[in-house]
Amino acid sequence: MPCSHNAFDLKPSGQYRISLREVSNLTEEKNRNEFAQPATETEQNQQEEVVEPVFAESDSFEGAEIETEATDEASEADVKIAELEAKLEEADNRYVRLQADLDNFRRRSRLDLEAREKYRAQSLITDLLPAIDNFERALKMEAENEQAKSVLQGMEMVFRSLLDALKKEGVEPIDAVGQEFDPHLHQAVMQVEDDNYRPNVVVEEFQKGYKLKDRVIRPSMVKVNQ
């Protein structure tokens, strides 16, 4: 079969005629496709390299924001803890003061109750002291007859009974004559110079003084040696 330099003959199922120009075009297109594919992969790699730092920077920024928020929350928590600790300390101090006030109130109440019980008869005894003074003055009188003596004996019995009752309540007379002057027990109304007594010693008693247990109800009215 004669062949031509400008065409190929393909014949299994039909006759196809392809020119050299078409073959050249197909070859060039194939070459372009082969060289184009690596270029595309390189560009994709470059895009990925560009995208990865962008995402990395974004992740770093988000991490910094999260860390800042955590630090702020920790600072706020520390402030709240400090405030709560201060309030707790204040409450503890207030409780301690209230407890101390309550203990003082209980102690004062107990002391007041004991004092009222201890000196419950003070008002009555104070009112009886003038009567006791009158009994003492009356008993110093001298009886001129038997009838007067009987009256004085009866008065003395009443006087002794009264003193015994007062003694049961804790009333005691204050010693004065011959004792050293004590401003808590004695009331000096006169001073003398007597060589028979030491200085600052009670020489004479004008009015008897009394104590109710450890409390002076009335001081003794006395004369003191200088």
N, C-alpha and C. Protein backbone atom coordinates (compact mmCIF):
# COMPACT_ATOMS: atom_id res chain seq x y z
N MET A 1 0.87 -1.19 0.00
CA MET A 1 0.00 0.00 0.00
C MET A 1 0.88 1.21 0.00
N PRO A 2 0.56 2.17 -0.87
CA PRO A 2 1.37 3.38 -0.90
C PRO A 2 1.09 4.20 0.31
N CYS A 3 2.09 4.83 0.93
CA CYS A 3 1.90 5.70 2.09
C CYS A 3 2.29 7.09 1.78
N SER A 4 1.58 7.96 2.51
CA SER A 4 1.81 9.39 2.30
C SER A 4 2.52 9.95 3.48
N HIS A 5 3.35 10.97 3.28
CA HIS A 5 4.08 11.64 4.36
C HIS A 5 3.18 12.57 5.15
N ASN A 6 1.96 12.80 4.73
CA ASN A 6 1.09 13.78 5.42
C ASN A 6 -0.02 13.13 6.20
N ALA A 7 -0.15 11.75 6.19
CA ALA A 7 -1.28 11.16 6.90
C ALA A 7 -0.98 9.74 7.26
N PHE A 8 -1.75 9.19 8.33
CA PHE A 8 -1.67 7.78 8.73
C PHE A 8 -2.98 7.16 8.45
N ASP A 9 -2.92 5.83 8.11
CA ASP A 9 -4.17 5.10 7.84
C ASP A 9 -4.34 4.06 8.92
N LEU A 10 -5.47 4.16 9.71
CA LEU A 10 -5.82 3.20 10.76
C LEU A 10 -7.03 2.45 10.26
N LYS A 11 -6.95 1.09 10.25
CA LYS A 11 -8.06 0.34 9.71
C LYS A 11 -8.34 -0.86 10.54
N PRO A 12 -8.82 -0.99 11.68
CA PRO A 12 -9.48 -2.19 12.04
C PRO A 12 -10.95 -2.08 11.78
N SER A 13 -11.59 -1.02 12.32
CA SER A 13 -13.04 -0.94 12.18
C SER A 13 -13.45 0.17 11.27
N GLY A 14 -12.58 0.96 10.85
CA GLY A 14 -12.90 2.04 9.92
C GLY A 14 -11.67 2.77 9.54
N GLN A 15 -11.75 3.69 8.74
CA GLN A 15 -10.61 4.44 8.27
C GLN A 15 -10.64 5.80 8.93
N TYR A 16 -9.49 6.18 9.62
CA TYR A 16 -9.34 7.49 10.29
C TYR A 16 -8.11 8.12 9.75
N ARG A 17 -8.18 9.35 9.41
CA ARG A 17 -7.06 10.06 8.84
C ARG A 17 -6.71 11.20 9.80
N ILE A 18 -5.46 11.21 10.39
CA ILE A 18 -4.98 12.23 11.35
C ILE A 18 -3.81 12.93 10.73
N SER A 19 -3.86 14.22 10.77
CA SER A 19 -2.79 14.99 10.17
C SER A 19 -1.66 15.16 11.14
N LEU A 20 -0.47 15.51 10.61
CA LEU A 20 0.70 15.75 11.46
C LEU A 20 0.48 16.94 12.37
N ARG A 21 -0.24 17.89 11.93
CA ARG A 21 -0.51 19.08 12.77
C ARG A 21 -1.30 18.69 14.01
N GLU A 22 -2.29 17.81 13.82
CA GLU A 22 -3.10 17.40 14.95
C GLU A 22 -2.25 16.61 15.94
N VAL A 23 -1.38 15.76 15.43
CA VAL A 23 -0.51 15.00 16.34
C VAL A 23 0.38 15.94 17.10
N SER A 24 0.90 16.94 16.45
CA SER A 24 1.76 17.92 17.12
C SER A 24 0.98 18.67 18.19
N ASN A 25 -0.24 19.02 17.87
CA ASN A 25 -1.06 19.74 18.87
C ASN A 25 -1.34 18.88 20.09
N LEU A 26 -1.64 17.58 19.82
CA LEU A 26 -1.91 16.68 20.94
C LEU A 26 -0.67 16.50 21.82
N THR A 27 0.50 16.41 21.16
CA THR A 27 1.74 16.23 21.93
C THR A 27 2.02 17.44 22.80
N GLU A 28 1.85 18.63 22.21
CA GLU A 28 2.08 19.86 22.99
C GLU A 28 1.11 19.97 24.15
N GLU A 29 -0.13 19.60 23.92
CA GLU A 29 -1.14 19.68 25.00
C GLU A 29 -0.80 18.72 26.14
N LYS A 30 -0.30 17.50 25.74
CA LYS A 30 0.08 16.54 26.76
C LYS A 30 1.24 17.05 27.59
N ASN A 31 2.22 17.64 26.86
CA ASN A 31 3.37 18.19 27.59
C ASN A 31 2.96 19.32 28.54
N ARG A 32 2.06 20.13 28.06
CA ARG A 32 1.60 21.23 28.94
C ARG A 32 0.92 20.67 30.17
N ASN A 33 0.12 19.63 30.01
CA ASN A 33 -0.56 19.03 31.17
C ASN A 33 0.43 18.43 32.15
N GLU A 34 1.48 17.78 31.60
CA GLU A 34 2.47 17.16 32.48
C GLU A 34 3.24 18.20 33.28
N PHE A 35 3.59 19.30 32.60
CA PHE A 35 4.32 20.36 33.33
C PHE A 35 3.42 21.20 34.22
N ALA A 36 2.15 21.23 33.91
CA ALA A 36 1.22 22.04 34.71
C ALA A 36 0.92 21.41 36.06
N GLN A 37 0.89 20.08 36.14
CA GLN A 37 0.54 19.39 37.40
C GLN A 37 1.52 19.66 38.51
N PRO A 38 2.85 19.56 38.29
CA PRO A 38 3.79 19.90 39.39
C PRO A 38 3.68 21.34 39.80
N ALA A 39 3.44 22.23 38.85
CA ALA A 39 3.30 23.64 39.21
C ALA A 39 2.13 23.83 40.15
N THR A 40 1.06 23.14 39.89
CA THR A 40 -0.13 23.25 40.75
C THR A 40 0.16 22.74 42.14
N GLU A 41 0.89 21.58 42.26
CA GLU A 41 1.24 21.06 43.58
C GLU A 41 2.14 22.01 44.33
N THR A 42 3.07 22.66 43.60
CA THR A 42 3.97 23.63 44.26
C THR A 42 3.19 24.81 44.79
N GLU A 43 2.27 25.27 43.99
CA GLU A 43 1.44 26.40 44.46
C GLU A 43 0.63 26.01 45.67
N GLN A 44 0.08 24.76 45.64
CA GLN A 44 -0.70 24.32 46.79
C GLN A 44 0.18 24.24 48.03
N ASN A 45 1.44 23.73 47.84
CA ASN A 45 2.35 23.66 48.99
C ASN A 45 2.66 25.04 49.52
N GLN A 46 2.89 26.00 48.58
CA GLN A 46 3.16 27.37 49.01
C GLN A 46 1.97 27.96 49.75
N GLN A 47 0.75 27.67 49.24
CA GLN A 47 -0.45 28.18 49.92
C GLN A 47 -0.60 27.58 51.31
N GLU A 48 -0.28 26.24 51.35
CA GLU A 48 -0.36 25.61 52.67
C GLU A 48 0.65 26.21 53.62
N GLU A 49 1.90 26.49 53.08
CA GLU A 49 2.91 27.09 53.95
C GLU A 49 2.49 28.47 54.41
N VAL A 50 1.79 29.19 53.56
CA VAL A 50 1.34 30.52 53.94
C VAL A 50 0.20 30.44 54.93
N VAL A 51 -0.69 29.45 54.74
CA VAL A 51 -1.86 29.33 55.62
C VAL A 51 -1.46 28.86 57.00
N GLU A 52 -0.46 27.92 57.05
CA GLU A 52 -0.09 27.37 58.35
C GLU A 52 0.42 28.43 59.32
N PRO A 53 1.31 29.36 58.90
CA PRO A 53 1.71 30.41 59.85
C PRO A 53 0.55 31.28 60.28
N VAL A 54 -0.40 31.50 59.37
CA VAL A 54 -1.55 32.33 59.73
C VAL A 54 -2.34 31.67 60.83
N PHE A 55 -2.57 30.33 60.65
CA PHE A 55 -3.29 29.61 61.71
C PHE A 55 -2.47 29.55 62.98
N ALA A 56 -1.14 29.41 62.85
CA ALA A 56 -0.29 29.37 64.03
C ALA A 56 -0.36 30.69 64.81
N GLU A 57 -0.30 31.81 64.06
CA GLU A 57 -0.41 33.11 64.72
C GLU A 57 -1.77 33.27 65.37
N SER A 58 -2.81 32.79 64.72
CA SER A 58 -4.15 32.89 65.28
C SER A 58 -4.26 32.07 66.56
N ASP A 59 -3.66 30.85 66.53
CA ASP A 59 -3.70 30.01 67.74
C ASP A 59 -2.94 30.66 68.88
N SER A 60 -1.79 31.28 68.56
CA SER A 60 -1.01 31.96 69.61
C SER A 60 -1.79 33.11 70.21
N PHE A 61 -2.47 33.87 69.37
CA PHE A 61 -3.27 35.00 69.86
C PHE A 61 -4.41 34.53 70.75
N GLU A 62 -5.09 33.45 70.30
CA GLU A 62 -6.18 32.92 71.12
C GLU A 62 -5.64 32.38 72.44
N GLY A 63 -4.47 31.71 72.42
CA GLY A 63 -3.88 31.21 73.66
C GLY A 63 -3.52 32.35 74.61
N ALA A 64 -2.99 33.44 74.05
CA ALA A 64 -2.67 34.60 74.89
C ALA A 64 -3.92 35.18 75.51
N GLU A 65 -5.00 35.26 74.72
CA GLU A 65 -6.26 35.78 75.27
C GLU A 65 -6.77 34.89 76.40
N ILE A 66 -6.71 33.57 76.18
CA ILE A 66 -7.18 32.65 77.22
C ILE A 66 -6.33 32.78 78.48
N GLU A 67 -5.00 32.90 78.29
CA GLU A 67 -4.12 33.05 79.45
C GLU A 67 -4.40 34.35 80.19
N THR A 68 -4.65 35.44 79.46
CA THR A 68 -4.98 36.73 80.10
C THR A 68 -6.28 36.63 80.87
N GLU A 69 -7.29 35.99 80.26
CA GLU A 69 -8.57 35.82 80.95
C GLU A 69 -8.39 34.99 82.22
N ALA A 70 -7.59 33.93 82.14
CA ALA A 70 -7.35 33.10 83.32
C ALA A 70 -6.65 33.90 84.41
N THR A 71 -5.68 34.73 84.02
CA THR A 71 -4.99 35.56 85.00
C THR A 71 -5.93 36.55 85.67
N ASP A 72 -6.81 37.17 84.86
CA ASP A 72 -7.78 38.11 85.41
C ASP A 72 -8.73 37.41 86.38
N GLU A 73 -9.19 36.22 85.99
CA GLU A 73 -10.08 35.48 86.87
C GLU A 73 -9.38 35.09 88.17
N ALA A 74 -8.11 34.71 88.08
CA ALA A 74 -7.35 34.37 89.29
C ALA A 74 -7.19 35.60 90.19
N SER A 75 -6.92 36.76 89.58
CA SER A 75 -6.78 37.98 90.37
C SER A 75 -8.09 38.33 91.07
N GLU A 76 -9.21 38.22 90.34
CA GLU A 76 -10.51 38.49 90.95
C GLU A 76 -10.80 37.51 92.08
N ALA A 77 -10.42 36.25 91.89
CA ALA A 77 -10.63 35.26 92.95
C ALA A 77 -9.80 35.59 94.18
N ASP A 78 -8.55 36.03 93.97
CA ASP A 78 -7.70 36.41 95.11
C ASP A 78 -8.30 37.58 95.87
N VAL A 79 -8.84 38.55 95.13
CA VAL A 79 -9.45 39.72 95.79
C VAL A 79 -10.66 39.29 96.61
N LYS A 80 -11.49 38.43 96.03
CA LYS A 80 -12.67 37.95 96.76
C LYS A 80 -12.26 37.16 98.00
N ILE A 81 -11.23 36.33 97.85
CA ILE A 81 -10.76 35.55 99.01
C ILE A 81 -10.26 36.49 100.11
N ALA A 82 -9.51 37.52 99.72
CA ALA A 82 -9.01 38.49 100.71
C ALA A 82 -10.17 39.20 101.41
N GLU A 83 -11.19 39.59 100.64
CA GLU A 83 -12.36 40.24 101.24
C GLU A 83 -13.06 39.31 102.21
N LEU A 84 -13.25 38.06 101.82
CA LEU A 84 -13.92 37.10 102.70
C LEU A 84 -13.10 36.84 103.96
N GLU A 85 -11.78 36.76 103.81
CA GLU A 85 -10.93 36.56 104.98
C GLU A 85 -11.02 37.75 105.93
N ALA A 86 -11.06 38.97 105.37
CA ALA A 86 -11.19 40.16 106.21
C ALA A 86 -12.53 40.16 106.94
N LYS A 87 -13.60 39.81 106.22
CA LYS A 87 -14.92 39.75 106.87
C LYS A 87 -14.95 38.68 107.96
N LEU A 88 -14.31 37.55 107.69
CA LEU A 88 -14.27 36.48 108.69
C LEU A 88 -13.51 36.92 109.93
N GLU A 89 -12.38 37.60 109.72
CA GLU A 89 -11.61 38.10 110.86
C GLU A 89 -12.40 39.12 111.65
N GLU A 90 -13.10 40.00 110.96
CA GLU A 90 -13.93 40.99 111.65
C GLU A 90 -15.03 40.32 112.45
N ALA A 91 -15.66 39.29 111.86
CA ALA A 91 -16.71 38.56 112.57
C ALA A 91 -16.15 37.86 113.81
N ASP A 92 -14.94 37.28 113.68
CA ASP A 92 -14.32 36.63 114.83
C ASP A 92 -14.03 37.64 115.93
N ASN A 93 -13.50 38.81 115.56
CA ASN A 93 -13.22 39.83 116.56
C ASN A 93 -14.50 40.30 117.25
N ARG A 94 -15.56 40.48 116.44
CA ARG A 94 -16.83 40.89 117.02
C ARG A 94 -17.36 39.82 117.98
N TYR A 95 -17.20 38.56 117.61
CA TYR A 95 -17.66 37.47 118.47
C TYR A 95 -16.87 37.46 119.78
N VAL A 96 -15.55 37.68 119.68
CA VAL A 96 -14.73 37.68 120.89
C VAL A 96 -15.13 38.83 121.81
N ARG A 97 -15.38 40.03 121.21
CA ARG A 97 -15.80 41.17 122.04
C ARG A 97 -17.15 40.91 122.68
N LEU A 98 -18.08 40.37 121.91
CA LEU A 98 -19.40 40.08 122.47
C LEU A 98 -19.31 39.04 123.58
N GLN A 99 -18.45 38.02 123.38
CA GLN A 99 -18.27 37.01 124.40
C GLN A 99 -17.68 37.62 125.67
N ALA A 100 -16.70 38.53 125.50
CA ALA A 100 -16.10 39.19 126.66
C ALA A 100 -17.13 40.06 127.37
N ASP A 101 -17.94 40.80 126.60
CA ASP A 101 -18.99 41.62 127.21
C ASP A 101 -19.99 40.76 127.97
N LEU A 102 -20.34 39.62 127.38
CA LEU A 102 -21.28 38.73 128.05
C LEU A 102 -20.69 38.18 129.34
N ASP A 103 -19.41 37.80 129.31
CA ASP A 103 -18.75 37.30 130.53
C ASP A 103 -18.70 38.39 131.59
N ASN A 104 -18.38 39.62 131.19
CA ASN A 104 -18.35 40.72 132.16
C ASN A 104 -19.73 40.98 132.75
N PHE A 105 -20.75 40.92 131.90
CA PHE A 105 -22.12 41.12 132.39
C PHE A 105 -22.51 40.04 133.39
N ARG A 106 -22.16 38.80 133.07
CA ARG A 106 -22.47 37.71 134.00
C ARG A 106 -21.74 37.88 135.32
N ARG A 107 -20.45 38.29 135.25
CA ARG A 107 -19.69 38.48 136.47
C ARG A 107 -20.26 39.62 137.31
N ARG A 108 -20.59 40.73 136.64
CA ARG A 108 -21.18 41.85 137.39
C ARG A 108 -22.52 41.46 138.00
N SER A 109 -23.32 40.73 137.24
CA SER A 109 -24.62 40.29 137.77
C SER A 109 -24.43 39.40 138.98
N ARG A 110 -23.46 38.48 138.89
CA ARG A 110 -23.21 37.59 140.03
C ARG A 110 -22.73 38.37 141.25
N LEU A 111 -21.81 39.32 141.01
CA LEU A 111 -21.31 40.13 142.13
C LEU A 111 -22.43 40.98 142.74
N ASP A 112 -23.27 41.55 141.89
CA ASP A 112 -24.38 42.34 142.41
C ASP A 112 -25.34 41.48 143.22
N LEU A 113 -25.60 40.28 142.72
CA LEU A 113 -26.49 39.39 143.46
C LEU A 113 -25.89 38.99 144.80
N GLU A 114 -24.58 38.68 144.78
CA GLU A 114 -23.92 38.33 146.04
C GLU A 114 -23.91 39.52 147.00
N ALA A 115 -23.69 40.73 146.47
CA ALA A 115 -23.67 41.91 147.33
C ALA A 115 -25.05 42.17 147.93
N ARG A 116 -26.10 42.00 147.09
CA ARG A 116 -27.45 42.19 147.63
C ARG A 116 -27.77 41.16 148.71
N GLU A 117 -27.31 39.95 148.50
CA GLU A 117 -27.55 38.92 149.51
C GLU A 117 -26.71 39.17 150.76
N LYS A 118 -25.48 39.63 150.54
CA LYS A 118 -24.57 39.84 151.66
C LYS A 118 -24.97 41.04 152.51
N TYR A 119 -25.43 42.09 151.86
CA TYR A 119 -25.75 43.33 152.58
C TYR A 119 -27.25 43.62 152.55
N ARG A 120 -28.04 42.57 152.53
CA ARG A 120 -29.49 42.75 152.40
C ARG A 120 -30.08 43.50 153.60
N ALA A 121 -29.44 43.40 154.77
CA ALA A 121 -29.98 44.03 155.98
C ALA A 121 -29.38 45.41 156.23
N GLN A 122 -28.59 45.95 155.30
CA GLN A 122 -27.89 47.21 155.56
C GLN A 122 -28.87 48.35 155.80
N SER A 123 -29.89 48.43 154.98
CA SER A 123 -30.84 49.54 155.13
C SER A 123 -31.54 49.48 156.49
N LEU A 124 -31.96 48.29 156.91
CA LEU A 124 -32.63 48.15 158.21
C LEU A 124 -31.68 48.47 159.36
N ILE A 125 -30.45 48.00 159.26
CA ILE A 125 -29.48 48.25 160.31
C ILE A 125 -29.18 49.74 160.42
N THR A 126 -29.05 50.40 159.28
CA THR A 126 -28.78 51.85 159.29
C THR A 126 -29.91 52.59 160.01
N ASP A 127 -31.15 52.14 159.81
CA ASP A 127 -32.28 52.78 160.48
C ASP A 127 -32.30 52.46 161.98
N LEU A 128 -31.72 51.33 162.40
CA LEU A 128 -31.72 50.95 163.81
C LEU A 128 -30.59 51.58 164.61
N LEU A 129 -29.57 52.09 163.93
CA LEU A 129 -28.43 52.63 164.67
C LEU A 129 -28.81 53.80 165.60
N PRO A 130 -29.65 54.74 165.20
CA PRO A 130 -30.03 55.78 166.16
C PRO A 130 -30.72 55.21 167.41
N ALA A 131 -31.52 54.16 167.25
CA ALA A 131 -32.16 53.55 168.42
C ALA A 131 -31.11 52.89 169.32
N ILE A 132 -30.13 52.27 168.73
CA ILE A 132 -29.06 51.66 169.52
C ILE A 132 -28.29 52.73 170.29
N ASP A 133 -28.03 53.86 169.64
CA ASP A 133 -27.35 54.96 170.33
C ASP A 133 -28.17 55.43 171.53
N ASN A 134 -29.46 55.53 171.37
CA ASN A 134 -30.31 55.96 172.48
C ASN A 134 -30.29 54.94 173.62
N PHE A 135 -30.27 53.65 173.27
CA PHE A 135 -30.17 52.63 174.31
C PHE A 135 -28.87 52.79 175.08
N GLU A 136 -27.78 53.02 174.40
CA GLU A 136 -26.50 53.16 175.08
C GLU A 136 -26.49 54.38 176.00
N ARG A 137 -27.05 55.47 175.57
CA ARG A 137 -27.10 56.67 176.42
C ARG A 137 -27.96 56.42 177.64
N ALA A 138 -29.08 55.74 177.42
CA ALA A 138 -29.97 55.48 178.55
C ALA A 138 -29.33 54.54 179.57
N LEU A 139 -28.60 53.56 179.10
CA LEU A 139 -27.98 52.60 180.03
C LEU A 139 -26.82 53.22 180.81
N LYS A 140 -26.31 54.36 180.37
CA LYS A 140 -25.25 55.03 181.11
C LYS A 140 -25.78 55.83 182.30
N MET A 141 -27.06 55.99 182.35
CA MET A 141 -27.65 56.73 183.47
C MET A 141 -27.61 55.87 184.74
N GLU A 142 -27.48 56.53 185.90
CA GLU A 142 -27.46 55.85 187.18
C GLU A 142 -28.88 55.80 187.76
N ALA A 143 -29.24 54.61 188.17
CA ALA A 143 -30.58 54.42 188.74
C ALA A 143 -30.57 54.91 190.20
N GLU A 144 -31.59 55.70 190.53
CA GLU A 144 -31.68 56.25 191.89
C GLU A 144 -32.52 55.38 192.80
N ASN A 145 -33.31 54.49 192.26
CA ASN A 145 -34.16 53.62 193.08
C ASN A 145 -34.30 52.27 192.40
N GLU A 146 -34.97 51.38 193.10
CA GLU A 146 -35.12 50.03 192.58
C GLU A 146 -35.97 49.98 191.33
N GLN A 147 -36.95 50.83 191.27
CA GLN A 147 -37.81 50.84 190.09
C GLN A 147 -37.02 51.26 188.86
N ALA A 148 -36.16 52.27 189.00
CA ALA A 148 -35.34 52.71 187.89
C ALA A 148 -34.33 51.64 187.49
N LYS A 149 -33.81 50.93 188.51
CA LYS A 149 -32.87 49.85 188.20
C LYS A 149 -33.56 48.75 187.39
N SER A 150 -34.81 48.43 187.78
CA SER A 150 -35.54 47.39 187.04
C SER A 150 -35.77 47.81 185.59
N VAL A 151 -36.10 49.09 185.43
CA VAL A 151 -36.32 49.58 184.07
C VAL A 151 -35.02 49.51 183.25
N LEU A 152 -33.91 49.89 183.89
CA LEU A 152 -32.64 49.84 183.17
C LEU A 152 -32.23 48.41 182.82
N GLN A 153 -32.53 47.48 183.78
CA GLN A 153 -32.22 46.08 183.50
C GLN A 153 -33.03 45.56 182.31
N GLY A 154 -34.30 45.95 182.25
CA GLY A 154 -35.13 45.53 181.12
C GLY A 154 -34.62 46.13 179.80
N MET A 155 -34.24 47.40 179.85
CA MET A 155 -33.70 48.03 178.65
C MET A 155 -32.39 47.37 178.20
N GLU A 156 -31.57 46.97 179.21
CA GLU A 156 -30.32 46.33 178.86
C GLU A 156 -30.56 44.97 178.21
N MET A 157 -31.57 44.26 178.69
CA MET A 157 -31.89 42.96 178.09
C MET A 157 -32.34 43.14 176.62
N VAL A 158 -33.18 44.15 176.43
CA VAL A 158 -33.62 44.42 175.06
C VAL A 158 -32.43 44.83 174.19
N PHE A 159 -31.57 45.66 174.75
CA PHE A 159 -30.41 46.13 174.01
C PHE A 159 -29.50 44.96 173.63
N ARG A 160 -29.26 44.04 174.57
CA ARG A 160 -28.39 42.89 174.29
C ARG A 160 -29.04 41.98 173.24
N SER A 161 -30.35 41.80 173.33
CA SER A 161 -31.02 40.97 172.32
C SER A 161 -30.91 41.60 170.93
N LEU A 162 -31.03 42.92 170.90
CA LEU A 162 -30.92 43.61 169.63
C LEU A 162 -29.51 43.49 169.05
N LEU A 163 -28.51 43.62 169.92
CA LEU A 163 -27.12 43.47 169.45
C LEU A 163 -26.85 42.05 168.97
N ASP A 164 -27.43 41.05 169.65
CA ASP A 164 -27.23 39.66 169.23
C ASP A 164 -27.85 39.41 167.85
N ALA A 165 -29.03 40.00 167.64
CA ALA A 165 -29.68 39.83 166.33
C ALA A 165 -28.85 40.50 165.22
N LEU A 166 -28.31 41.68 165.54
CA LEU A 166 -27.48 42.36 164.54
C LEU A 166 -26.18 41.60 164.30
N LYS A 167 -25.65 40.98 165.36
CA LYS A 167 -24.41 40.21 165.19
C LYS A 167 -24.63 39.00 164.28
N LYS A 168 -25.79 38.38 164.36
CA LYS A 168 -26.10 37.26 163.48
C LYS A 168 -26.14 37.68 162.01
N GLU A 169 -26.48 38.93 161.77
CA GLU A 169 -26.51 39.45 160.41
C GLU A 169 -25.14 39.94 159.94
N GLY A 170 -24.14 39.88 160.83
CA GLY A 170 -22.79 40.27 160.46
C GLY A 170 -22.42 41.67 160.90
N VAL A 171 -23.18 42.26 161.83
CA VAL A 171 -22.89 43.61 162.31
C VAL A 171 -21.94 43.51 163.49
N GLU A 172 -20.87 44.32 163.46
CA GLU A 172 -19.89 44.36 164.53
C GLU A 172 -19.56 45.82 164.84
N PRO A 173 -19.35 46.15 166.14
CA PRO A 173 -18.90 47.51 166.47
C PRO A 173 -17.43 47.69 166.11
N ILE A 174 -17.07 48.90 165.78
CA ILE A 174 -15.69 49.22 165.39
C ILE A 174 -14.91 49.61 166.64
N ASP A 175 -13.76 48.96 166.83
CA ASP A 175 -12.90 49.32 167.96
C ASP A 175 -12.27 50.68 167.68
N ALA A 176 -12.25 51.53 168.69
CA ALA A 176 -11.76 52.88 168.48
C ALA A 176 -10.73 53.29 169.53
N VAL A 177 -11.11 53.35 170.80
CA VAL A 177 -10.23 53.88 171.84
C VAL A 177 -8.98 52.99 171.96
N GLY A 178 -7.81 53.64 171.91
CA GLY A 178 -6.54 52.95 172.01
C GLY A 178 -6.04 52.41 170.66
N GLN A 179 -6.84 52.54 169.61
CA GLN A 179 -6.43 52.07 168.29
C GLN A 179 -5.82 53.22 167.50
N GLU A 180 -4.93 52.88 166.59
CA GLU A 180 -4.36 53.89 165.71
C GLU A 180 -5.44 54.41 164.76
N PHE A 181 -5.39 55.70 164.56
CA PHE A 181 -6.44 56.33 163.76
C PHE A 181 -6.41 55.79 162.32
N ASP A 182 -7.59 55.37 161.85
CA ASP A 182 -7.75 54.85 160.50
C ASP A 182 -8.87 55.65 159.83
N PRO A 183 -8.55 56.44 158.81
CA PRO A 183 -9.58 57.28 158.19
C PRO A 183 -10.71 56.48 157.56
N HIS A 184 -10.50 55.19 157.29
CA HIS A 184 -11.56 54.36 156.74
C HIS A 184 -12.54 53.89 157.81
N LEU A 185 -12.08 53.91 159.08
CA LEU A 185 -12.91 53.42 160.18
C LEU A 185 -13.32 54.52 161.15
N HIS A 186 -12.53 55.56 161.21
CA HIS A 186 -12.73 56.60 162.21
C HIS A 186 -12.95 57.96 161.56
N GLN A 187 -13.75 58.75 162.25
CA GLN A 187 -14.00 60.13 161.83
C GLN A 187 -13.52 61.06 162.96
N ALA A 188 -12.40 61.73 162.72
CA ALA A 188 -11.82 62.59 163.76
C ALA A 188 -12.56 63.92 163.81
N VAL A 189 -13.09 64.23 165.00
CA VAL A 189 -13.79 65.50 165.18
C VAL A 189 -13.05 66.41 166.15
N MET A 190 -11.99 65.86 166.76
CA MET A 190 -11.24 66.66 167.73
C MET A 190 -9.85 66.07 167.87
N GLN A 191 -8.88 66.94 168.17
CA GLN A 191 -7.50 66.52 168.41
C GLN A 191 -7.03 67.09 169.75
N VAL A 192 -6.21 66.29 170.44
CA VAL A 192 -5.66 66.71 171.73
C VAL A 192 -4.20 66.32 171.79
N GLU A 193 -3.51 66.84 172.81
CA GLU A 193 -2.13 66.45 173.09
C GLU A 193 -2.12 65.77 174.46
N ASP A 194 -1.95 64.46 174.44
CA ASP A 194 -1.97 63.67 175.67
C ASP A 194 -0.74 62.78 175.68
N ASP A 195 0.09 62.97 176.72
CA ASP A 195 1.33 62.19 176.82
C ASP A 195 1.07 60.74 177.15
N ASN A 196 -0.13 60.43 177.58
CA ASN A 196 -0.45 59.04 177.93
C ASN A 196 -0.72 58.18 176.69
N TYR A 197 -0.85 58.82 175.56
CA TYR A 197 -1.14 58.08 174.31
C TYR A 197 -0.07 58.41 173.27
N ARG A 198 0.13 57.46 172.42
CA ARG A 198 1.04 57.67 171.30
C ARG A 198 0.40 58.61 170.28
N PRO A 199 1.22 59.25 169.44
CA PRO A 199 0.63 60.12 168.41
C PRO A 199 -0.25 59.33 167.44
N ASN A 200 -1.27 59.99 166.99
CA ASN A 200 -2.20 59.45 165.99
C ASN A 200 -2.97 58.24 166.53
N VAL A 201 -3.25 58.29 167.81
CA VAL A 201 -4.03 57.23 168.45
C VAL A 201 -5.34 57.83 168.95
N VAL A 202 -6.41 57.04 168.85
CA VAL A 202 -7.74 57.49 169.28
C VAL A 202 -7.77 57.55 170.80
N VAL A 203 -8.13 58.71 171.30
CA VAL A 203 -8.17 58.92 172.75
C VAL A 203 -9.58 58.70 173.30
N GLU A 204 -10.57 59.15 172.60
CA GLU A 204 -11.96 59.07 173.11
C GLU A 204 -12.91 58.83 171.94
N GLU A 205 -14.02 58.13 172.25
CA GLU A 205 -15.04 57.84 171.23
C GLU A 205 -16.32 58.57 171.60
N PHE A 206 -16.82 59.40 170.66
CA PHE A 206 -18.06 60.13 170.91
C PHE A 206 -19.30 59.37 170.40
N GLN A 207 -19.13 58.65 169.34
CA GLN A 207 -20.24 57.86 168.78
C GLN A 207 -19.66 56.57 168.21
N LYS A 208 -20.28 55.44 168.58
CA LYS A 208 -19.77 54.15 168.17
C LYS A 208 -20.01 53.93 166.68
N GLY A 209 -19.02 53.35 166.03
CA GLY A 209 -19.16 53.00 164.62
C GLY A 209 -19.45 51.51 164.44
N TYR A 210 -20.01 51.16 163.28
CA TYR A 210 -20.39 49.76 163.03
C TYR A 210 -19.99 49.34 161.61
N LYS A 211 -19.73 48.05 161.50
CA LYS A 211 -19.43 47.43 160.20
C LYS A 211 -20.44 46.31 159.95
N LEU A 212 -20.85 46.20 158.72
CA LEU A 212 -21.64 45.06 158.27
C LEU A 212 -20.73 44.17 157.44
N LYS A 213 -20.25 43.11 158.10
CA LYS A 213 -19.26 42.23 157.49
C LYS A 213 -18.01 43.03 157.16
N ASP A 214 -17.67 43.23 155.87
CA ASP A 214 -16.46 43.98 155.55
C ASP A 214 -16.77 45.40 155.09
N ARG A 215 -17.99 45.86 155.25
CA ARG A 215 -18.39 47.19 154.81
C ARG A 215 -18.69 48.07 156.03
N VAL A 216 -18.12 49.27 155.99
CA VAL A 216 -18.36 50.21 157.08
C VAL A 216 -19.71 50.86 156.87
N ILE A 217 -20.61 50.65 157.84
CA ILE A 217 -21.93 51.30 157.77
C ILE A 217 -21.84 52.73 158.29
N ARG A 218 -21.12 52.87 159.42
CA ARG A 218 -20.94 54.20 160.00
C ARG A 218 -19.59 54.23 160.70
N PRO A 219 -18.71 55.21 160.38
CA PRO A 219 -17.43 55.29 161.07
C PRO A 219 -17.60 55.81 162.51
N SER A 220 -16.63 55.50 163.32
CA SER A 220 -16.66 55.97 164.72
C SER A 220 -16.27 57.44 164.77
N MET A 221 -17.00 58.20 165.57
CA MET A 221 -16.70 59.63 165.76
C MET A 221 -15.77 59.72 166.97
N VAL A 222 -14.51 60.20 166.76
CA VAL A 222 -13.49 60.05 167.78
C VAL A 222 -12.70 61.33 168.00
N LYS A 223 -11.90 61.29 169.10
CA LYS A 223 -10.89 62.32 169.39
C LYS A 223 -9.52 61.66 169.23
N VAL A 224 -8.61 62.34 168.55
CA VAL A 224 -7.32 61.74 168.21
C VAL A 224 -6.20 62.54 168.85
N ASN A 225 -5.19 61.81 169.34
CA ASN A 225 -4.02 62.46 169.92
C ASN A 225 -3.06 62.87 168.80
N GLN A 226 -2.54 64.08 168.95
CA GLN A 226 -1.62 64.59 167.93
C GLN A 226 -0.25 63.91 168.02
